[in-house]
Amino acid sequence: MSEKIICKIYRSERQQGAYLFTTMEQDLDPVPALLLAKLGDLVEAMSLLLEPGRQLANANVETVMTALRDDGFYLQMPPGHAATFEASLAALVANPSAKQTFS
């Protein structure tokens, strides 16, 4: 993958340590409404130019770029919280009427 992607990174006010990466062009449009609801208020933290080989603090740049290209967003959760958050979100998607809490 030799492309470069300009992305915006949002910080979740509800889920401490959660960061949502989006492309500059699409912004939040491709992010599922359920995910946005669970993340709560988002604050734009920064914009970055992503390219292969760039070092990111807590994510692999190629993984992020692939997710941005394929899905339009990438969700970075703090270590230890990702599995719980993903399981809760999957349960909510499977049964939208159920009330889920996220730790």
Protein backbone atom coordinates (compact mmCIF):
# COMPACT_ATOMS: atom_id res chain seq x y z
CA MET A 1 0.00 0.00 0.00
CA SER A 2 1.80 3.17 -1.17
CA GLU A 3 -0.99 5.68 -0.72
CA LYS A 4 -1.13 8.43 1.83
CA ILE A 5 -4.26 9.25 3.81
CA ILE A 6 -5.07 12.45 5.65
CA CYS A 7 -7.12 11.53 8.69
CA LYS A 8 -8.90 13.21 11.56
CA ILE A 9 -8.64 11.70 15.01
CA TYR A 10 -11.44 12.21 17.53
CA ARG A 11 -11.24 11.57 21.28
CA SER A 12 -14.32 10.11 22.99
CA GLU A 13 -15.53 12.05 26.02
CA ARG A 14 -17.43 8.99 27.33
CA GLN A 15 -14.96 6.17 26.67
CA GLN A 16 -11.64 7.25 28.16
CA GLY A 17 -8.75 6.27 25.92
CA ALA A 18 -10.95 5.66 22.85
CA TYR A 19 -9.89 7.37 19.63
CA LEU A 20 -11.83 7.32 16.37
CA PHE A 21 -9.83 7.79 13.16
CA THR A 22 -11.71 8.98 10.06
CA THR A 23 -10.65 10.15 6.63
CA MET A 24 -10.58 13.88 6.09
CA GLU A 25 -12.94 13.52 3.09
CA GLN A 26 -15.61 11.34 4.70
CA ASP A 27 -15.29 12.55 8.30
CA LEU A 28 -17.92 10.79 10.49
CA ASP A 29 -20.27 9.77 7.64
CA PRO A 30 -19.18 6.08 7.46
CA VAL A 31 -19.23 5.53 11.26
CA PRO A 32 -22.26 3.47 12.38
CA ALA A 33 -24.79 5.44 14.42
CA LEU A 34 -24.67 2.84 17.24
CA LEU A 35 -20.92 3.32 17.59
CA LEU A 36 -21.24 7.09 17.63
CA ALA A 37 -23.93 6.83 20.31
CA LYS A 38 -21.75 4.60 22.51
CA LEU A 39 -18.71 6.85 22.13
CA GLY A 40 -20.70 9.90 23.18
CA ASP A 41 -19.39 13.38 22.49
CA LEU A 42 -16.33 13.40 20.25
CA VAL A 43 -13.64 16.06 20.37
CA GLU A 44 -11.36 16.51 17.38
CA ALA A 45 -7.89 15.78 18.76
CA MET A 46 -5.73 16.19 15.65
CA SER A 47 -5.25 15.60 11.96
CA LEU A 48 -2.44 13.40 10.62
CA LEU A 49 -0.92 12.35 7.35
CA LEU A 50 -0.74 8.56 7.40
CA GLU A 51 1.67 6.70 5.17
CA PRO A 52 3.28 3.27 5.27
CA GLY A 53 6.15 3.13 7.72
CA ARG A 54 4.87 5.93 9.95
CA GLN A 55 4.96 5.13 13.66
CA LEU A 56 1.76 5.57 15.68
CA ALA A 57 1.72 5.40 19.46
CA ASN A 58 -0.84 2.60 19.94
CA ALA A 59 -1.74 1.24 16.51
CA ASN A 60 -0.16 -0.23 13.42
CA VAL A 61 -0.33 2.35 10.64
CA GLU A 62 -1.02 -0.28 7.95
CA THR A 63 -3.96 -1.64 9.98
CA VAL A 64 -5.35 1.87 10.43
CA MET A 65 -4.92 2.71 6.74
CA THR A 66 -6.60 -0.52 5.65
CA ALA A 67 -9.57 0.12 7.96
CA LEU A 68 -9.88 3.71 6.70
CA ARG A 69 -9.78 2.55 3.09
CA ASP A 70 -12.19 -0.39 3.59
CA ASP A 71 -14.56 0.90 6.31
CA GLY A 72 -13.99 4.65 6.43
CA PHE A 73 -13.01 4.61 10.12
CA TYR A 74 -10.78 2.93 12.68
CA LEU A 75 -11.54 2.67 16.42
CA GLN A 76 -8.59 2.57 18.81
CA MET A 77 -9.45 1.44 22.33
CA PRO A 78 -7.10 1.39 25.33
CA PRO A 79 -5.45 -1.97 26.05
CA GLY A 80 -7.73 -4.30 28.01
CA HIS A 81 -10.93 -2.47 27.04
CA ALA A 82 -11.20 -3.36 23.36
CA ALA A 83 -12.58 -6.89 23.82
CA THR A 84 -15.23 -5.81 26.34
CA PHE A 85 -16.29 -2.84 24.22
CA GLU A 86 -16.44 -4.91 20.99
CA ALA A 87 -18.46 -7.68 22.68
CA SER A 88 -20.93 -5.17 24.11
CA LEU A 89 -21.28 -3.39 20.77
CA ALA A 90 -21.79 -6.72 18.95
CA ALA A 91 -24.52 -7.68 21.44
CA LEU A 92 -26.22 -4.32 20.92
CA VAL A 93 -26.13 -4.71 17.14
CA ALA A 94 -27.59 -8.22 17.45
CA ASN A 95 -30.33 -7.06 19.83
CA PRO A 96 -30.87 -3.28 19.53
CA SER A 97 -33.64 -3.23 22.14
CA ALA A 98 -31.31 -4.57 24.85
CA LYS A 99 -29.66 -2.04 27.12
CA GLN A 100 -25.89 -2.39 27.17
CA THR A 101 -23.36 -0.63 29.32
CA PHE A 102 -19.76 -0.17 28.39
CA SER A 103 -16.94 -0.19 30.91
